[in-house]
Amino acid sequence: MPVDVTGCEIGDNPNKMWIDGGQTLNAEGNTCEIKMQVPFDKGDMQPPVLVHYEMMNFYQNYRKYITSYDQYQLLGKLAQDQGLNEQGVCQPLSKIGDVYINPCGLIANTLFNDIIKLVSIVGPDGEVIPNAPMVETGIAWESDLKYKYRQPDGFKSQQCESCNCDCSETDGEGKRKWSCNTPYIDEDGNCWRYYYPFDESTQYLYETYPMLINPIEGVTNEHFVVWMRAAALPHFRKLYGYIEQTIPAGSVLTFTVMANYAVERLQGSKALVVSNNYIFGGKNHWLGTLFIAVGSIAAILGVFFLCKDKFAPRRLGDKMYLKYKEE
């Protein structure tokens, strides 16, 4: 069930809602509401029900784009220590003036940053289906999370006993122990202090995308990890979340989309897709058509060679098929 969300951006500046530090986050007009109904003729959607965002005419496979990242930096190595950014590995996005970008490069700094939230699922009987949230963890490859992404060397975080904890605490030498100005409050209401090295001269991922990335996760955020696995084709889908609940046919799903990601300048488009997995992965009519076409050609060739062998077989050891070098 794809629904186009292109044109849902707010004003001329799609990130306008974040300029004032998120104070207008919940203001009227900052989100689009999308409703989609499960077709009655398709039957119930069995879990996991997958929620993808779909991009059209976006070339993640362009060579300059796909090579514009620093694998050592993503593993925690600091640009100030390594110096590879200035040698061109992340060009043209390695520094802004004297400020390092961490992570650097084109892929990391074009992250899809629309915020998609599942508001409700209303069954065909008009009743809201309870306990059916959209889960946004477990969407990235486990191997990627384990071996390819780590917070910067020197990063540390601490959960506070209360939200009155002080980020300005200093050590015996008078240096600040935490780089935060105020504690970060997670979705469960827990407060965290954190420290990022070289914070004054570095713009970290949570500062580039405060609407999507929190400072505790940083580059280990699964939406970021999913985006960093580049697509091979310009028309692609990436997993945003999934629903661990059966959705009856005829149910209406309501999403809110905070459309920060502008695609008009790319002459592309984007869509929200809700689907199921099948034996060959996601539903793909093109793949099925390809299998049928290749199978049909193979069957026709098989019949042709069978007839050839039946009515005009080649006699084994026939000398007429031998060719001798001319003397």
C-alpha atoms as a PDB file:
ATOM      1  CA  MET A   1       0.000   0.000   0.000  1.00  0.00           C
ATOM      2  CA  PRO A   2       2.178   2.908  -1.205  1.00  0.00           C
ATOM      3  CA  VAL A   3       1.062   6.488  -0.486  1.00  0.00           C
ATOM      4  CA  ASP A   4       2.920   9.423  -2.031  1.00  0.00           C
ATOM      5  CA  VAL A   5       4.161  11.973   0.529  1.00  0.00           C
ATOM      6  CA  THR A   6       5.982  14.269  -1.905  1.00  0.00           C
ATOM      7  CA  GLY A   7       4.818  17.866  -1.503  1.00  0.00           C
ATOM      8  CA  CYS A   8       4.173  17.430   2.209  1.00  0.00           C
ATOM      9  CA  GLU A   9       7.155  19.638   3.070  1.00  0.00           C
ATOM     10  CA  ILE A  10       6.544  22.756   5.135  1.00  0.00           C
ATOM     11  CA  GLY A  11       7.203  26.015   3.328  1.00  0.00           C
ATOM     12  CA  ASP A  12      10.351  26.896   1.411  1.00  0.00           C
ATOM     13  CA  ASN A  13      12.592  25.550   4.156  1.00  0.00           C
ATOM     14  CA  PRO A  14      11.722  21.917   4.954  1.00  0.00           C
ATOM     15  CA  ASN A  15      13.685  22.154   8.226  1.00  0.00           C
ATOM     16  CA  LYS A  16      11.921  25.327   9.351  1.00  0.00           C
ATOM     17  CA  MET A  17      10.386  23.602  12.354  1.00  0.00           C
ATOM     18  CA  TRP A  18      13.837  23.002  13.812  1.00  0.00           C
ATOM     19  CA  ILE A  19      15.306  26.479  13.450  1.00  0.00           C
ATOM     20  CA  ASP A  20      13.887  27.607  16.771  1.00  0.00           C
ATOM     21  CA  GLY A  21      15.148  24.542  18.612  1.00  0.00           C
ATOM     22  CA  GLY A  22      11.987  22.511  18.082  1.00  0.00           C
ATOM     23  CA  GLN A  23       9.650  24.896  19.896  1.00  0.00           C
ATOM     24  CA  THR A  24       7.158  24.653  17.022  1.00  0.00           C
ATOM     25  CA  LEU A  25       7.438  20.881  16.794  1.00  0.00           C
ATOM     26  CA  ASN A  26       3.827  20.236  17.727  1.00  0.00           C
ATOM     27  CA  ALA A  27       2.404  23.364  16.185  1.00  0.00           C
ATOM     28  CA  GLU A  28      -0.426  23.007  13.717  1.00  0.00           C
ATOM     29  CA  GLY A  29       0.699  22.483  10.135  1.00  0.00           C
ATOM     30  CA  ASN A  30       4.084  20.894  10.850  1.00  0.00           C
ATOM     31  CA  THR A  31       2.958  17.343  10.109  1.00  0.00           C
ATOM     32  CA  CYS A  32       0.938  15.613   7.428  1.00  0.00           C
ATOM     33  CA  GLU A  33      -1.629  12.984   8.326  1.00  0.00           C
ATOM     34  CA  ILE A  34      -1.825   9.962   6.050  1.00  0.00           C
ATOM     35  CA  LYS A  35      -4.553   7.346   6.100  1.00  0.00           C
ATOM     36  CA  MET A  36      -4.389   4.052   4.223  1.00  0.00           C
ATOM     37  CA  GLN A  37      -6.804   1.132   4.198  1.00  0.00           C
ATOM     38  CA  VAL A  38      -5.929  -2.542   3.950  1.00  0.00           C
ATOM     39  CA  PRO A  39      -7.775  -3.835   0.834  1.00  0.00           C
ATOM     40  CA  PHE A  40     -10.606  -6.238   1.631  1.00  0.00           C
ATOM     41  CA  ASP A  41      -9.647  -8.528  -1.262  1.00  0.00           C
ATOM     42  CA  LYS A  42      -6.071  -9.001   0.006  1.00  0.00           C
ATOM     43  CA  GLY A  43      -7.008 -10.580   3.314  1.00  0.00           C
ATOM     44  CA  ASP A  44      -5.490  -9.891   6.732  1.00  0.00           C
ATOM     45  CA  MET A  45      -1.916  -8.642   6.962  1.00  0.00           C
ATOM     46  CA  GLN A  46       0.084 -11.040   9.098  1.00  0.00           C
ATOM     47  CA  PRO A  47       2.950  -9.858  11.304  1.00  0.00           C
ATOM     48  CA  PRO A  48       5.477  -8.543  10.871  1.00  0.00           C
ATOM     49  CA  VAL A  49       3.780  -5.798   8.854  1.00  0.00           C
ATOM     50  CA  LEU A  50       6.592  -3.731   7.356  1.00  0.00           C
ATOM     51  CA  VAL A  51       6.632   0.061   7.046  1.00  0.00           C
ATOM     52  CA  HIS A  52       9.038   1.334   4.385  1.00  0.00           C
ATOM     53  CA  TYR A  53       9.847   4.698   2.927  1.00  0.00           C
ATOM     54  CA  GLU A  54      10.306   4.624  -0.833  1.00  0.00           C
ATOM     55  CA  MET A  55      12.553   6.925  -2.864  1.00  0.00           C
ATOM     56  CA  MET A  56      12.329   7.474  -6.614  1.00  0.00           C
ATOM     57  CA  ASN A  57      15.073   8.952  -8.799  1.00  0.00           C
ATOM     58  CA  PHE A  58      17.641   9.018  -5.980  1.00  0.00           C
ATOM     59  CA  TYR A  59      20.995   7.585  -7.106  1.00  0.00           C
ATOM     60  CA  GLN A  60      22.674   6.226  -3.991  1.00  0.00           C
ATOM     61  CA  ASN A  61      24.822   4.079  -6.290  1.00  0.00           C
ATOM     62  CA  TYR A  62      26.571   7.084  -7.859  1.00  0.00           C
ATOM     63  CA  ARG A  63      30.291   6.425  -7.389  1.00  0.00           C
ATOM     64  CA  LYS A  64      31.210   9.768  -5.840  1.00  0.00           C
ATOM     65  CA  TYR A  65      28.284   9.463  -3.444  1.00  0.00           C
ATOM     66  CA  ILE A  66      28.801   5.859  -2.401  1.00  0.00           C
ATOM     67  CA  THR A  67      32.520   6.343  -1.667  1.00  0.00           C
ATOM     68  CA  SER A  68      32.096   9.585   0.289  1.00  0.00           C
ATOM     69  CA  TYR A  69      32.458   8.276   3.837  1.00  0.00           C
ATOM     70  CA  ASP A  70      35.182   7.402   6.324  1.00  0.00           C
ATOM     71  CA  GLN A  71      34.885   3.807   7.560  1.00  0.00           C
ATOM     72  CA  TYR A  72      37.425   4.419  10.341  1.00  0.00           C
ATOM     73  CA  GLN A  73      35.479   7.428  11.581  1.00  0.00           C
ATOM     74  CA  LEU A  74      32.282   5.359  11.694  1.00  0.00           C
ATOM     75  CA  LEU A  75      34.186   2.899  13.883  1.00  0.00           C
ATOM     76  CA  GLY A  76      34.983   5.671  16.355  1.00  0.00           C
ATOM     77  CA  LYS A  77      38.258   7.105  15.038  1.00  0.00           C
ATOM     78  CA  LEU A  78      38.348  10.876  15.418  1.00  0.00           C
ATOM     79  CA  ALA A  79      39.093  13.021  12.385  1.00  0.00           C
ATOM     80  CA  GLN A  80      41.375  15.199  14.482  1.00  0.00           C
ATOM     81  CA  ASP A  81      43.573  12.158  15.169  1.00  0.00           C
ATOM     82  CA  GLN A  82      43.404  10.554  11.762  1.00  0.00           C
ATOM     83  CA  GLY A  83      43.402  13.467   9.311  1.00  0.00           C
ATOM     84  CA  LEU A  84      41.952  11.419   6.436  1.00  0.00           C
ATOM     85  CA  ASN A  85      39.040  13.808   5.927  1.00  0.00           C
ATOM     86  CA  GLU A  86      41.333  16.560   4.720  1.00  0.00           C
ATOM     87  CA  GLN A  87      42.959  14.122   2.299  1.00  0.00           C
ATOM     88  CA  GLY A  88      39.709  13.818   0.389  1.00  0.00           C
ATOM     89  CA  VAL A  89      38.107  10.583   1.612  1.00  0.00           C
ATOM     90  CA  CYS A  90      34.947  12.489   2.625  1.00  0.00           C
ATOM     91  CA  GLN A  91      35.039  15.347   0.160  1.00  0.00           C
ATOM     92  CA  PRO A  92      33.139  17.547  -0.386  1.00  0.00           C
ATOM     93  CA  LEU A  93      31.604  17.266   3.122  1.00  0.00           C
ATOM     94  CA  SER A  94      34.380  16.923   5.662  1.00  0.00           C
ATOM     95  CA  LYS A  95      34.466  20.341   7.349  1.00  0.00           C
ATOM     96  CA  ILE A  96      32.341  23.470   7.589  1.00  0.00           C
ATOM     97  CA  GLY A  97      34.864  26.230   8.055  1.00  0.00           C
ATOM     98  CA  ASP A  98      36.934  25.096  11.022  1.00  0.00           C
ATOM     99  CA  VAL A  99      34.287  22.683  12.294  1.00  0.00           C
ATOM    100  CA  TYR A 100      34.709  18.969  11.597  1.00  0.00           C
ATOM    101  CA  ILE A 101      31.658  16.968  10.534  1.00  0.00           C
ATOM    102  CA  ASN A 102      31.339  13.625  12.282  1.00  0.00           C
ATOM    103  CA  PRO A 103      30.412  11.468  10.473  1.00  0.00           C
ATOM    104  CA  CYS A 104      31.624  13.163   7.315  1.00  0.00           C
ATOM    105  CA  GLY A 105      30.743  12.475   3.691  1.00  0.00           C
ATOM    106  CA  LEU A 106      27.755  12.680   1.379  1.00  0.00           C
ATOM    107  CA  ILE A 107      25.887   9.548   2.482  1.00  0.00           C
ATOM    108  CA  ALA A 108      25.818  10.397   6.191  1.00  0.00           C
ATOM    109  CA  ASN A 109      24.877  14.019   5.566  1.00  0.00           C
ATOM    110  CA  THR A 110      21.950  13.302   3.261  1.00  0.00           C
ATOM    111  CA  LEU A 111      20.194  11.051   5.776  1.00  0.00           C
ATOM    112  CA  PHE A 112      16.472  10.555   5.212  1.00  0.00           C
ATOM    113  CA  ASN A 113      15.082  12.518   8.144  1.00  0.00           C
ATOM    114  CA  ASP A 114      11.307  12.404   7.760  1.00  0.00           C
ATOM    115  CA  ILE A 115       9.692  11.456  11.075  1.00  0.00           C
ATOM    116  CA  ILE A 116       6.997   8.803  10.652  1.00  0.00           C
ATOM    117  CA  LYS A 117       4.675   7.927  13.526  1.00  0.00           C
ATOM    118  CA  LEU A 118       1.847   5.408  13.637  1.00  0.00           C
ATOM    119  CA  VAL A 119      -1.081   7.124  15.328  1.00  0.00           C
ATOM    120  CA  SER A 120      -3.710   4.386  15.291  1.00  0.00           C
ATOM    121  CA  ILE A 121      -5.059   1.290  13.567  1.00  0.00           C
ATOM    122  CA  VAL A 122      -8.846   1.190  13.358  1.00  0.00           C
ATOM    123  CA  GLY A 123     -10.340  -2.200  12.503  1.00  0.00           C
ATOM    124  CA  PRO A 124     -13.187  -2.736  10.024  1.00  0.00           C
ATOM    125  CA  ASP A 125     -15.599  -2.772  12.974  1.00  0.00           C
ATOM    126  CA  GLY A 126     -14.579   0.781  13.896  1.00  0.00           C
ATOM    127  CA  GLU A 127     -12.683  -0.273  17.032  1.00  0.00           C
ATOM    128  CA  VAL A 128      -9.085   0.793  17.617  1.00  0.00           C
ATOM    129  CA  ILE A 129      -6.699  -2.180  17.648  1.00  0.00           C
ATOM    130  CA  PRO A 130      -4.759  -1.973  20.937  1.00  0.00           C
ATOM    131  CA  ASN A 131      -1.093  -2.779  21.573  1.00  0.00           C
ATOM    132  CA  ALA A 132      -0.043  -2.304  17.960  1.00  0.00           C
ATOM    133  CA  PRO A 133       2.840   0.198  17.969  1.00  0.00           C
ATOM    134  CA  MET A 134       5.327   0.612  15.144  1.00  0.00           C
ATOM    135  CA  VAL A 135       8.645  -0.829  16.345  1.00  0.00           C
ATOM    136  CA  GLU A 136      11.736   1.036  15.124  1.00  0.00           C
ATOM    137  CA  THR A 137      14.400  -1.278  16.541  1.00  0.00           C
ATOM    138  CA  GLY A 138      15.679  -4.438  14.912  1.00  0.00           C
ATOM    139  CA  ILE A 139      15.473  -2.877  11.432  1.00  0.00           C
ATOM    140  CA  ALA A 140      19.223  -2.803  10.703  1.00  0.00           C
ATOM    141  CA  TRP A 141      21.527  -5.710   9.972  1.00  0.00           C
ATOM    142  CA  GLU A 142      22.935  -7.107  13.198  1.00  0.00           C
ATOM    143  CA  SER A 143      26.367  -7.469  11.589  1.00  0.00           C
ATOM    144  CA  ASP A 144      26.375  -3.764  10.666  1.00  0.00           C
ATOM    145  CA  LEU A 145      25.564  -2.728  14.216  1.00  0.00           C
ATOM    146  CA  LYS A 146      28.183  -5.051  15.668  1.00  0.00           C
ATOM    147  CA  TYR A 147      31.120  -4.495  13.330  1.00  0.00           C
ATOM    148  CA  LYS A 148      30.688  -1.220  11.405  1.00  0.00           C
ATOM    149  CA  TYR A 149      29.387   1.494  13.758  1.00  0.00           C
ATOM    150  CA  ARG A 150      30.633   2.742  17.112  1.00  0.00           C
ATOM    151  CA  GLN A 151      30.429   5.983  19.015  1.00  0.00           C
ATOM    152  CA  PRO A 152      33.570   8.205  18.864  1.00  0.00           C
ATOM    153  CA  ASP A 153      36.580   7.224  20.921  1.00  0.00           C
ATOM    154  CA  GLY A 154      36.229   8.954  24.279  1.00  0.00           C
ATOM    155  CA  PHE A 155      32.420   9.118  24.210  1.00  0.00           C
ATOM    156  CA  LYS A 156      30.707   8.331  27.504  1.00  0.00           C
ATOM    157  CA  SER A 157      27.198   8.581  28.888  1.00  0.00           C
ATOM    158  CA  GLN A 158      25.575   8.203  32.274  1.00  0.00           C
ATOM    159  CA  GLN A 159      21.959   7.762  33.267  1.00  0.00           C
ATOM    160  CA  CYS A 160      21.014  10.241  35.962  1.00  0.00           C
ATOM    161  CA  GLU A 161      19.101   9.295  39.076  1.00  0.00           C
ATOM    162  CA  SER A 162      16.881  12.316  38.453  1.00  0.00           C
ATOM    163  CA  CYS A 163      16.552  14.958  35.756  1.00  0.00           C
ATOM    164  CA  ASN A 164      18.163  17.521  38.042  1.00  0.00           C
ATOM    165  CA  CYS A 165      21.649  16.200  37.258  1.00  0.00           C
ATOM    166  CA  ASP A 166      24.219  18.817  36.306  1.00  0.00           C
ATOM    167  CA  CYS A 167      26.042  18.721  32.966  1.00  0.00           C
ATOM    168  CA  SER A 168      28.500  21.410  34.074  1.00  0.00           C
ATOM    169  CA  GLU A 169      30.228  19.141  36.602  1.00  0.00           C
ATOM    170  CA  THR A 170      34.045  19.426  36.460  1.00  0.00           C
ATOM    171  CA  ASP A 171      36.944  17.163  37.398  1.00  0.00           C
ATOM    172  CA  GLY A 172      39.876  17.948  39.701  1.00  0.00           C
ATOM    173  CA  GLU A 173      41.606  19.971  36.975  1.00  0.00           C
ATOM    174  CA  GLY A 174      38.580  22.135  36.347  1.00  0.00           C
ATOM    175  CA  LYS A 175      37.712  20.502  33.018  1.00  0.00           C
ATOM    176  CA  ARG A 176      34.111  19.715  32.199  1.00  0.00           C
ATOM    177  CA  LYS A 177      33.262  16.033  32.551  1.00  0.00           C
ATOM    178  CA  TRP A 178      30.226  16.297  30.266  1.00  0.00           C
ATOM    179  CA  SER A 179      29.767  18.101  26.953  1.00  0.00           C
ATOM    180  CA  CYS A 180      25.984  18.417  27.218  1.00  0.00           C
ATOM    181  CA  ASN A 181      24.324  21.684  28.198  1.00  0.00           C
ATOM    182  CA  THR A 182      21.214  19.984  29.542  1.00  0.00           C
ATOM    183  CA  PRO A 183      20.534  16.264  30.152  1.00  0.00           C
ATOM    184  CA  TYR A 184      18.975  14.281  27.319  1.00  0.00           C
ATOM    185  CA  ILE A 185      15.531  12.879  28.160  1.00  0.00           C
ATOM    186  CA  ASP A 186      14.650   9.626  26.383  1.00  0.00           C
ATOM    187  CA  GLU A 187      11.195   8.307  25.457  1.00  0.00           C
ATOM    188  CA  ASP A 188      10.875   6.563  28.820  1.00  0.00           C
ATOM    189  CA  GLY A 189      11.553   9.775  30.728  1.00  0.00           C
ATOM    190  CA  ASN A 190      15.068   8.787  31.789  1.00  0.00           C
ATOM    191  CA  CYS A 191      17.700  11.526  31.831  1.00  0.00           C
ATOM    192  CA  TRP A 192      21.247  11.126  30.531  1.00  0.00           C
ATOM    193  CA  ARG A 193      24.488  13.046  30.695  1.00  0.00           C
ATOM    194  CA  TYR A 194      26.976  12.527  27.885  1.00  0.00           C
ATOM    195  CA  TYR A 195      30.409  13.544  26.726  1.00  0.00           C
ATOM    196  CA  TYR A 196      31.656  13.888  23.142  1.00  0.00           C
ATOM    197  CA  PRO A 197      35.377  14.610  22.601  1.00  0.00           C
ATOM    198  CA  PHE A 198      36.355  17.814  20.752  1.00  0.00           C
ATOM    199  CA  ASP A 199      32.742  18.931  20.977  1.00  0.00           C
ATOM    200  CA  GLU A 200      33.639  22.598  20.445  1.00  0.00           C
ATOM    201  CA  SER A 201      35.237  21.899  17.048  1.00  0.00           C
ATOM    202  CA  THR A 202      33.029  19.035  15.847  1.00  0.00           C
ATOM    203  CA  GLN A 203      29.447  18.801  14.646  1.00  0.00           C
ATOM    204  CA  TYR A 204      28.217  15.322  15.539  1.00  0.00           C
ATOM    205  CA  LEU A 205      25.344  13.399  13.973  1.00  0.00           C
ATOM    206  CA  TYR A 206      22.875  14.202  16.763  1.00  0.00           C
ATOM    207  CA  GLU A 207      23.536  17.911  16.159  1.00  0.00           C
ATOM    208  CA  THR A 208      23.041  17.578  12.395  1.00  0.00           C
ATOM    209  CA  TYR A 209      19.788  15.632  12.779  1.00  0.00           C
ATOM    210  CA  PRO A 210      18.359  16.467  16.211  1.00  0.00           C
ATOM    211  CA  MET A 211      14.878  15.442  15.094  1.00  0.00           C
ATOM    212  CA  LEU A 212      15.930  11.858  14.376  1.00  0.00           C
ATOM    213  CA  ILE A 213      19.203  11.035  16.158  1.00  0.00           C
ATOM    214  CA  ASN A 214      19.628  11.232  19.919  1.00  0.00           C
ATOM    215  CA  PRO A 215      23.058  11.893  21.486  1.00  0.00           C
ATOM    216  CA  ILE A 216      23.176   8.557  23.323  1.00  0.00           C
ATOM    217  CA  GLU A 217      22.833   6.432  20.172  1.00  0.00           C
ATOM    218  CA  GLY A 218      24.649   8.657  17.681  1.00  0.00           C
ATOM    219  CA  VAL A 219      25.912   6.657  14.695  1.00  0.00           C
ATOM    220  CA  THR A 220      24.484   3.435  16.158  1.00  0.00           C
ATOM    221  CA  ASN A 221      20.950   4.711  15.515  1.00  0.00           C
ATOM    222  CA  GLU A 222      19.283   2.073  13.347  1.00  0.00           C
ATOM    223  CA  HIS A 223      17.649   4.529  10.931  1.00  0.00           C
ATOM    224  CA  PHE A 224      21.116   5.876  10.180  1.00  0.00           C
ATOM    225  CA  VAL A 225      22.593   2.383   9.780  1.00  0.00           C
ATOM    226  CA  VAL A 226      19.785   1.411   7.368  1.00  0.00           C
ATOM    227  CA  TRP A 227      20.393   4.542   5.277  1.00  0.00           C
ATOM    228  CA  MET A 228      24.150   3.941   5.112  1.00  0.00           C
ATOM    229  CA  ARG A 229      23.624   0.601   3.337  1.00  0.00           C
ATOM    230  CA  ALA A 230      23.413   2.121  -0.138  1.00  0.00           C
ATOM    231  CA  ALA A 231      20.771   0.978  -2.628  1.00  0.00           C
ATOM    232  CA  ALA A 232      21.794  -0.435  -6.011  1.00  0.00           C
ATOM    233  CA  LEU A 233      18.968   1.180  -7.988  1.00  0.00           C
ATOM    234  CA  PRO A 234      17.525   4.724  -8.076  1.00  0.00           C
ATOM    235  CA  HIS A 235      14.080   3.430  -7.078  1.00  0.00           C
ATOM    236  CA  PHE A 236      14.378   1.782  -3.680  1.00  0.00           C
ATOM    237  CA  ARG A 237      12.709   1.119  -0.338  1.00  0.00           C
ATOM    238  CA  LYS A 238      14.254   1.177   3.112  1.00  0.00           C
ATOM    239  CA  LEU A 239      12.723  -0.242   6.267  1.00  0.00           C
ATOM    240  CA  TYR A 240      11.503   2.346   8.793  1.00  0.00           C
ATOM    241  CA  GLY A 241       9.707   0.062  11.239  1.00  0.00           C
ATOM    242  CA  TYR A 242       7.315  -2.842  11.603  1.00  0.00           C
ATOM    243  CA  ILE A 243       4.077  -3.746  13.372  1.00  0.00           C
ATOM    244  CA  GLU A 244       3.931  -6.977  15.383  1.00  0.00           C
ATOM    245  CA  GLN A 245       0.177  -7.371  15.185  1.00  0.00           C
ATOM    246  CA  THR A 246      -2.242  -8.919  12.703  1.00  0.00           C
ATOM    247  CA  ILE A 247      -4.074  -6.171  10.804  1.00  0.00           C
ATOM    248  CA  PRO A 248      -7.509  -7.292   9.552  1.00  0.00           C
ATOM    249  CA  ALA A 249      -8.590  -6.531   5.998  1.00  0.00           C
ATOM    250  CA  GLY A 250     -10.445  -3.228   5.824  1.00  0.00           C
ATOM    251  CA  SER A 251      -8.515  -1.684   8.723  1.00  0.00           C
ATOM    252  CA  VAL A 252      -7.435   1.961   8.435  1.00  0.00           C
ATOM    253  CA  LEU A 253      -3.904   2.909   9.443  1.00  0.00           C
ATOM    254  CA  THR A 254      -3.246   6.535  10.348  1.00  0.00           C
ATOM    255  CA  PHE A 255       0.292   7.919  10.206  1.00  0.00           C
ATOM    256  CA  THR A 256       1.721  11.345  10.832  1.00  0.00           C
ATOM    257  CA  VAL A 257       4.698  12.322   8.708  1.00  0.00           C
ATOM    258  CA  MET A 258       6.960  15.205   9.619  1.00  0.00           C
ATOM    259  CA  ALA A 259       8.270  15.709   6.089  1.00  0.00           C
ATOM    260  CA  ASN A 260      11.732  17.192   6.526  1.00  0.00           C
ATOM    261  CA  TYR A 261      13.292  15.558   3.473  1.00  0.00           C
ATOM    262  CA  ALA A 262      12.866  17.659   0.322  1.00  0.00           C
ATOM    263  CA  VAL A 263      13.003  15.734  -2.971  1.00  0.00           C
ATOM    264  CA  GLU A 264      11.589  18.222  -5.506  1.00  0.00           C
ATOM    265  CA  ARG A 265      15.037  19.607  -6.336  1.00  0.00           C
ATOM    266  CA  LEU A 266      16.125  16.071  -7.183  1.00  0.00           C
ATOM    267  CA  GLN A 267      13.163  15.764  -9.560  1.00  0.00           C
ATOM    268  CA  GLY A 268      12.310  12.706  -7.515  1.00  0.00           C
ATOM    269  CA  SER A 269       9.565  11.637  -5.163  1.00  0.00           C
ATOM    270  CA  LYS A 270       9.029   9.663  -1.974  1.00  0.00           C
ATOM    271  CA  ALA A 271       6.275   7.470  -0.617  1.00  0.00           C
ATOM    272  CA  LEU A 272       5.194   5.618   2.504  1.00  0.00           C
ATOM    273  CA  VAL A 273       4.685   1.883   1.936  1.00  0.00           C
ATOM    274  CA  VAL A 274       3.033  -0.712   4.194  1.00  0.00           C
ATOM    275  CA  SER A 275       3.558  -4.305   3.080  1.00  0.00           C
ATOM    276  CA  ASN A 276       4.223  -7.915   4.044  1.00  0.00           C
ATOM    277  CA  ASN A 277       7.186 -10.171   3.421  1.00  0.00           C
ATOM    278  CA  TYR A 278       6.752 -13.199   1.222  1.00  0.00           C
ATOM    279  CA  ILE A 279       8.914 -16.218   0.408  1.00  0.00           C
ATOM    280  CA  PHE A 280      11.049 -14.127  -1.977  1.00  0.00           C
ATOM    281  CA  GLY A 281      11.120 -11.062   0.295  1.00  0.00           C
ATOM    282  CA  GLY A 282       8.991  -7.962  -0.280  1.00  0.00           C
ATOM    283  CA  LYS A 283       6.193  -7.971  -2.821  1.00  0.00           C
ATOM    284  CA  ASN A 284       7.707  -7.289  -6.236  1.00  0.00           C
ATOM    285  CA  HIS A 285       5.678  -7.739  -9.437  1.00  0.00           C
ATOM    286  CA  TRP A 286       8.755  -7.126 -11.592  1.00  0.00           C
ATOM    287  CA  LEU A 287      10.619 -10.044 -10.016  1.00  0.00           C
ATOM    288  CA  GLY A 288       7.679 -12.385 -10.559  1.00  0.00           C
ATOM    289  CA  THR A 289       7.368 -11.259 -14.177  1.00  0.00           C
ATOM    290  CA  LEU A 290      11.093 -11.860 -14.695  1.00  0.00           C
ATOM    291  CA  PHE A 291      10.859 -15.386 -13.264  1.00  0.00           C
ATOM    292  CA  ILE A 292       7.905 -16.218 -15.527  1.00  0.00           C
ATOM    293  CA  ALA A 293       9.651 -14.797 -18.609  1.00  0.00           C
ATOM    294  CA  VAL A 294      12.919 -16.654 -17.971  1.00  0.00           C
ATOM    295  CA  GLY A 295      11.016 -19.852 -17.146  1.00  0.00           C
ATOM    296  CA  SER A 296       8.964 -19.583 -20.344  1.00  0.00           C
ATOM    297  CA  ILE A 297      12.075 -19.084 -22.498  1.00  0.00           C
ATOM    298  CA  ALA A 298      13.760 -22.048 -20.812  1.00  0.00           C
ATOM    299  CA  ALA A 299      10.659 -24.205 -21.390  1.00  0.00           C
ATOM    300  CA  ILE A 300      10.476 -23.252 -25.094  1.00  0.00           C
ATOM    301  CA  LEU A 301      14.171 -24.006 -25.600  1.00  0.00           C
ATOM    302  CA  GLY A 302      13.740 -27.294 -23.731  1.00  0.00           C
ATOM    303  CA  VAL A 303      10.896 -28.355 -26.071  1.00  0.00           C
ATOM    304  CA  PHE A 304      12.926 -27.293 -29.121  1.00  0.00           C
ATOM    305  CA  PHE A 305      15.973 -29.356 -28.136  1.00  0.00           C
ATOM    306  CA  LEU A 306      13.765 -32.302 -27.187  1.00  0.00           C
ATOM    307  CA  CYS A 307      12.190 -32.253 -30.665  1.00  0.00           C
ATOM    308  CA  LYS A 308      15.621 -31.888 -32.260  1.00  0.00           C
ATOM    309  CA  ASP A 309      16.918 -34.900 -30.366  1.00  0.00           C
ATOM    310  CA  LYS A 310      13.768 -36.881 -31.123  1.00  0.00           C
ATOM    311  CA  PHE A 311      13.445 -36.263 -34.862  1.00  0.00           C
ATOM    312  CA  ALA A 312      16.975 -35.359 -35.931  1.00  0.00           C
ATOM    313  CA  PRO A 313      19.328 -36.838 -33.372  1.00  0.00           C
ATOM    314  CA  ARG A 314      23.073 -36.664 -33.695  1.00  0.00           C
ATOM    315  CA  ARG A 315      24.611 -40.081 -34.138  1.00  0.00           C
ATOM    316  CA  LEU A 316      27.343 -40.686 -31.619  1.00  0.00           C
ATOM    317  CA  GLY A 317      30.813 -41.059 -33.149  1.00  0.00           C
ATOM    318  CA  ASP A 318      29.714 -39.831 -36.587  1.00  0.00           C
ATOM    319  CA  LYS A 319      32.847 -38.843 -38.542  1.00  0.00           C
ATOM    320  CA  MET A 320      31.007 -36.129 -40.476  1.00  0.00           C
ATOM    321  CA  TYR A 321      31.248 -33.908 -37.389  1.00  0.00           C
ATOM    322  CA  LEU A 322      35.034 -34.234 -37.273  1.00  0.00           C
ATOM    323  CA  LYS A 323      37.172 -31.558 -38.874  1.00  0.00           C
ATOM    324  CA  TYR A 324      40.756 -32.196 -39.924  1.00  0.00           C
ATOM    325  CA  LYS A 325      43.504 -29.682 -40.454  1.00  0.00           C
ATOM    326  CA  GLU A 326      43.965 -29.068 -44.147  1.00  0.00           C
ATOM    327  CA  GLU A 327      47.309 -30.291 -45.435  1.00  0.00           C
END
